[in-house]
Amino acid sequence: MAGKLAYTSKINKIRSFALILIFVGFAVMYGGILAKKIEWLMLALFLLGLMFILLSCVIYLWIGMLSTRAVPIVCPSCEKRTKMLGRVDACMHCKQPLTLDKDLEGKIFDERYNNRKFRRQAKADNEE
């Protein structure tokens, strides 16, 4: 199992990053409580922690808006509804690699297929 790659959904990756930002913000604010003897440091840490939490809120808003445009599909493996962003993505539930692009069916799953520069390079390599 160590050699098997585990893919994750892009939406879940971004949501996880936003959640980590919230915890980092709380930890920085907790550092402000520990530094209450030095008022300017306490204030700076509280404001920095607040900035992390506000950035997390902005990311949650952005991914929520992006999620409304994502293509809803049914995973062929687990048969649960999932959302797909880009040309290739992974199921949110079972992490099955997914694509709606007929040109990529049967090819090795690579998340770089969502990158235009990589797609152009791969297309040029296939034409040679």
C-alpha atoms as a PDB file:
ATOM      1  CA  MET A   1       0.000   0.000   0.000  1.00  0.00           C
ATOM      2  CA  ALA A   2       3.007   2.292   0.437  1.00  0.00           C
ATOM      3  CA  GLY A   3       3.570   2.487  -3.313  1.00  0.00           C
ATOM      4  CA  LYS A   4      -0.051   3.341  -4.126  1.00  0.00           C
ATOM      5  CA  LEU A   5      -0.730   7.001  -4.806  1.00  0.00           C
ATOM      6  CA  ALA A   6      -3.703   8.535  -3.039  1.00  0.00           C
ATOM      7  CA  TYR A   7      -5.373  11.308  -4.991  1.00  0.00           C
ATOM      8  CA  THR A   8      -7.571  13.896  -3.345  1.00  0.00           C
ATOM      9  CA  SER A   9     -10.271  16.146  -4.646  1.00  0.00           C
ATOM     10  CA  LYS A  10      -9.217  19.717  -5.400  1.00  0.00           C
ATOM     11  CA  ILE A  11     -12.201  21.071  -3.479  1.00  0.00           C
ATOM     12  CA  ASN A  12     -11.247  19.033  -0.411  1.00  0.00           C
ATOM     13  CA  LYS A  13      -7.618  20.197  -0.644  1.00  0.00           C
ATOM     14  CA  ILE A  14      -8.640  23.842  -0.619  1.00  0.00           C
ATOM     15  CA  ARG A  15     -11.143  23.320   2.206  1.00  0.00           C
ATOM     16  CA  SER A  16      -8.477  21.558   4.262  1.00  0.00           C
ATOM     17  CA  PHE A  17      -6.082  24.452   3.681  1.00  0.00           C
ATOM     18  CA  ALA A  18      -8.724  26.928   4.893  1.00  0.00           C
ATOM     19  CA  LEU A  19      -9.339  24.821   8.007  1.00  0.00           C
ATOM     20  CA  ILE A  20      -5.608  24.742   8.744  1.00  0.00           C
ATOM     21  CA  LEU A  21      -5.553  28.546   8.471  1.00  0.00           C
ATOM     22  CA  ILE A  22      -8.244  28.770  11.160  1.00  0.00           C
ATOM     23  CA  PHE A  23      -6.223  26.594  13.534  1.00  0.00           C
ATOM     24  CA  VAL A  24      -3.057  28.588  12.810  1.00  0.00           C
ATOM     25  CA  GLY A  25      -4.980  31.787  13.551  1.00  0.00           C
ATOM     26  CA  PHE A  26      -6.184  30.409  16.882  1.00  0.00           C
ATOM     27  CA  ALA A  27      -2.654  29.254  17.770  1.00  0.00           C
ATOM     28  CA  VAL A  28      -1.216  32.683  16.976  1.00  0.00           C
ATOM     29  CA  MET A  29      -3.926  34.328  19.096  1.00  0.00           C
ATOM     30  CA  TYR A  30      -3.146  31.910  21.908  1.00  0.00           C
ATOM     31  CA  GLY A  31       0.454  33.071  21.629  1.00  0.00           C
ATOM     32  CA  GLY A  32      -0.921  36.582  22.126  1.00  0.00           C
ATOM     33  CA  ILE A  33      -2.526  35.506  25.384  1.00  0.00           C
ATOM     34  CA  LEU A  34       0.801  34.070  26.527  1.00  0.00           C
ATOM     35  CA  ALA A  35       2.497  37.376  25.656  1.00  0.00           C
ATOM     36  CA  LYS A  36       0.039  39.557  27.562  1.00  0.00           C
ATOM     37  CA  LYS A  37       2.859  41.184  29.553  1.00  0.00           C
ATOM     38  CA  ILE A  38       4.098  42.856  26.366  1.00  0.00           C
ATOM     39  CA  GLU A  39       1.056  44.763  25.117  1.00  0.00           C
ATOM     40  CA  TRP A  40       2.316  45.591  21.620  1.00  0.00           C
ATOM     41  CA  LEU A  41       3.273  41.943  20.998  1.00  0.00           C
ATOM     42  CA  MET A  42      -0.083  40.741  22.288  1.00  0.00           C
ATOM     43  CA  LEU A  43      -1.927  43.144  19.997  1.00  0.00           C
ATOM     44  CA  ALA A  44       0.265  42.211  17.025  1.00  0.00           C
ATOM     45  CA  LEU A  45      -0.335  38.482  17.570  1.00  0.00           C
ATOM     46  CA  PHE A  46      -4.098  39.000  17.967  1.00  0.00           C
ATOM     47  CA  LEU A  47      -4.236  40.993  14.734  1.00  0.00           C
ATOM     48  CA  LEU A  48      -2.094  38.437  12.907  1.00  0.00           C
ATOM     49  CA  GLY A  49      -4.323  35.613  14.135  1.00  0.00           C
ATOM     50  CA  LEU A  50      -7.391  37.570  13.056  1.00  0.00           C
ATOM     51  CA  MET A  51      -5.848  38.023   9.604  1.00  0.00           C
ATOM     52  CA  PHE A  52      -5.354  34.239   9.295  1.00  0.00           C
ATOM     53  CA  ILE A  53      -8.987  33.642  10.221  1.00  0.00           C
ATOM     54  CA  LEU A  54     -10.248  36.319   7.814  1.00  0.00           C
ATOM     55  CA  LEU A  55      -8.101  34.848   5.033  1.00  0.00           C
ATOM     56  CA  SER A  56      -9.663  31.480   5.790  1.00  0.00           C
ATOM     57  CA  CYS A  57     -13.137  33.009   5.467  1.00  0.00           C
ATOM     58  CA  VAL A  58     -12.201  34.489   2.088  1.00  0.00           C
ATOM     59  CA  ILE A  59     -10.910  31.104   0.911  1.00  0.00           C
ATOM     60  CA  TYR A  60     -14.093  29.370   2.110  1.00  0.00           C
ATOM     61  CA  LEU A  61     -16.178  31.946   0.230  1.00  0.00           C
ATOM     62  CA  TRP A  62     -14.050  31.493  -2.908  1.00  0.00           C
ATOM     63  CA  ILE A  63     -14.214  27.684  -2.862  1.00  0.00           C
ATOM     64  CA  GLY A  64     -17.950  27.848  -2.183  1.00  0.00           C
ATOM     65  CA  MET A  65     -18.438  29.975  -5.278  1.00  0.00           C
ATOM     66  CA  LEU A  66     -16.128  27.696  -7.255  1.00  0.00           C
ATOM     67  CA  SER A  67     -18.011  24.651  -5.998  1.00  0.00           C
ATOM     68  CA  THR A  68     -21.263  25.950  -7.480  1.00  0.00           C
ATOM     69  CA  ARG A  69     -19.621  25.898 -10.933  1.00  0.00           C
ATOM     70  CA  ALA A  70     -18.104  22.437 -10.489  1.00  0.00           C
ATOM     71  CA  VAL A  71     -19.508  19.617 -12.588  1.00  0.00           C
ATOM     72  CA  PRO A  72     -21.608  17.246 -10.447  1.00  0.00           C
ATOM     73  CA  ILE A  73     -21.078  13.622 -11.457  1.00  0.00           C
ATOM     74  CA  VAL A  74     -21.652  10.145 -10.067  1.00  0.00           C
ATOM     75  CA  CYS A  75     -18.437   8.284  -9.326  1.00  0.00           C
ATOM     76  CA  PRO A  76     -18.273   5.028 -11.294  1.00  0.00           C
ATOM     77  CA  SER A  77     -16.439   3.313  -8.452  1.00  0.00           C
ATOM     78  CA  CYS A  78     -18.425   4.162  -5.301  1.00  0.00           C
ATOM     79  CA  GLU A  79     -21.571   5.438  -7.084  1.00  0.00           C
ATOM     80  CA  LYS A  80     -21.787   8.540  -4.848  1.00  0.00           C
ATOM     81  CA  ARG A  81     -22.311  12.076  -6.099  1.00  0.00           C
ATOM     82  CA  THR A  82     -19.145  14.137  -6.283  1.00  0.00           C
ATOM     83  CA  LYS A  83     -18.015  17.393  -7.877  1.00  0.00           C
ATOM     84  CA  MET A  84     -15.255  17.688 -10.407  1.00  0.00           C
ATOM     85  CA  LEU A  85     -13.050  20.712 -11.105  1.00  0.00           C
ATOM     86  CA  GLY A  86     -10.886  20.820 -14.210  1.00  0.00           C
ATOM     87  CA  ARG A  87     -10.089  18.080 -16.715  1.00  0.00           C
ATOM     88  CA  VAL A  88      -8.945  15.559 -14.098  1.00  0.00           C
ATOM     89  CA  ASP A  89      -9.921  15.277 -10.455  1.00  0.00           C
ATOM     90  CA  ALA A  90     -10.464  12.645  -7.802  1.00  0.00           C
ATOM     91  CA  CYS A  91     -13.682  11.460  -6.176  1.00  0.00           C
ATOM     92  CA  MET A  92     -14.334  13.205  -2.852  1.00  0.00           C
ATOM     93  CA  HIS A  93     -15.350   9.909  -1.255  1.00  0.00           C
ATOM     94  CA  CYS A  94     -13.231   7.054  -2.632  1.00  0.00           C
ATOM     95  CA  LYS A  95     -10.408   9.087  -4.248  1.00  0.00           C
ATOM     96  CA  GLN A  96     -10.930   7.366  -7.610  1.00  0.00           C
ATOM     97  CA  PRO A  97      -9.220   9.327 -10.435  1.00  0.00           C
ATOM     98  CA  LEU A  98     -11.880  10.906 -12.674  1.00  0.00           C
ATOM     99  CA  THR A  99     -11.908  12.635 -16.048  1.00  0.00           C
ATOM    100  CA  LEU A 100     -14.591  13.823 -18.446  1.00  0.00           C
ATOM    101  CA  ASP A 101     -12.084  14.338 -21.269  1.00  0.00           C
ATOM    102  CA  LYS A 102     -12.277  11.521 -23.829  1.00  0.00           C
ATOM    103  CA  ASP A 103      -8.650  12.178 -24.860  1.00  0.00           C
ATOM    104  CA  LEU A 104      -7.407  11.332 -21.355  1.00  0.00           C
ATOM    105  CA  GLU A 105      -9.338   8.104 -20.865  1.00  0.00           C
ATOM    106  CA  GLY A 106      -6.991   5.167 -20.416  1.00  0.00           C
ATOM    107  CA  LYS A 107      -3.964   7.380 -19.751  1.00  0.00           C
ATOM    108  CA  ILE A 108      -2.073   7.455 -16.485  1.00  0.00           C
ATOM    109  CA  PHE A 109      -3.752   9.874 -14.062  1.00  0.00           C
ATOM    110  CA  ASP A 110      -1.749  13.057 -13.621  1.00  0.00           C
ATOM    111  CA  GLU A 111      -3.099  16.155 -11.906  1.00  0.00           C
ATOM    112  CA  ARG A 112      -0.883  18.261 -14.163  1.00  0.00           C
ATOM    113  CA  TYR A 113      -3.377  17.691 -17.010  1.00  0.00           C
ATOM    114  CA  ASN A 114      -5.281  20.672 -15.543  1.00  0.00           C
ATOM    115  CA  ASN A 115      -2.279  22.891 -16.318  1.00  0.00           C
ATOM    116  CA  ARG A 116      -2.470  24.400 -19.839  1.00  0.00           C
ATOM    117  CA  LYS A 117       1.295  24.477 -20.288  1.00  0.00           C
ATOM    118  CA  PHE A 118       1.571  20.766 -19.440  1.00  0.00           C
ATOM    119  CA  ARG A 119      -1.318  19.938 -21.797  1.00  0.00           C
ATOM    120  CA  ARG A 120       0.346  21.798 -24.684  1.00  0.00           C
ATOM    121  CA  GLN A 121       3.641  20.044 -24.018  1.00  0.00           C
ATOM    122  CA  ALA A 122       1.969  16.616 -23.818  1.00  0.00           C
ATOM    123  CA  LYS A 123       0.046  17.294 -27.029  1.00  0.00           C
ATOM    124  CA  ALA A 124       3.240  18.303 -28.820  1.00  0.00           C
ATOM    125  CA  ASP A 125       4.987  15.128 -27.570  1.00  0.00           C
ATOM    126  CA  ASN A 126       2.106  12.974 -28.861  1.00  0.00           C
ATOM    127  CA  GLU A 127       2.253  14.588 -32.325  1.00  0.00           C
ATOM    128  CA  GLU A 128       5.955  13.766 -32.746  1.00  0.00           C
END
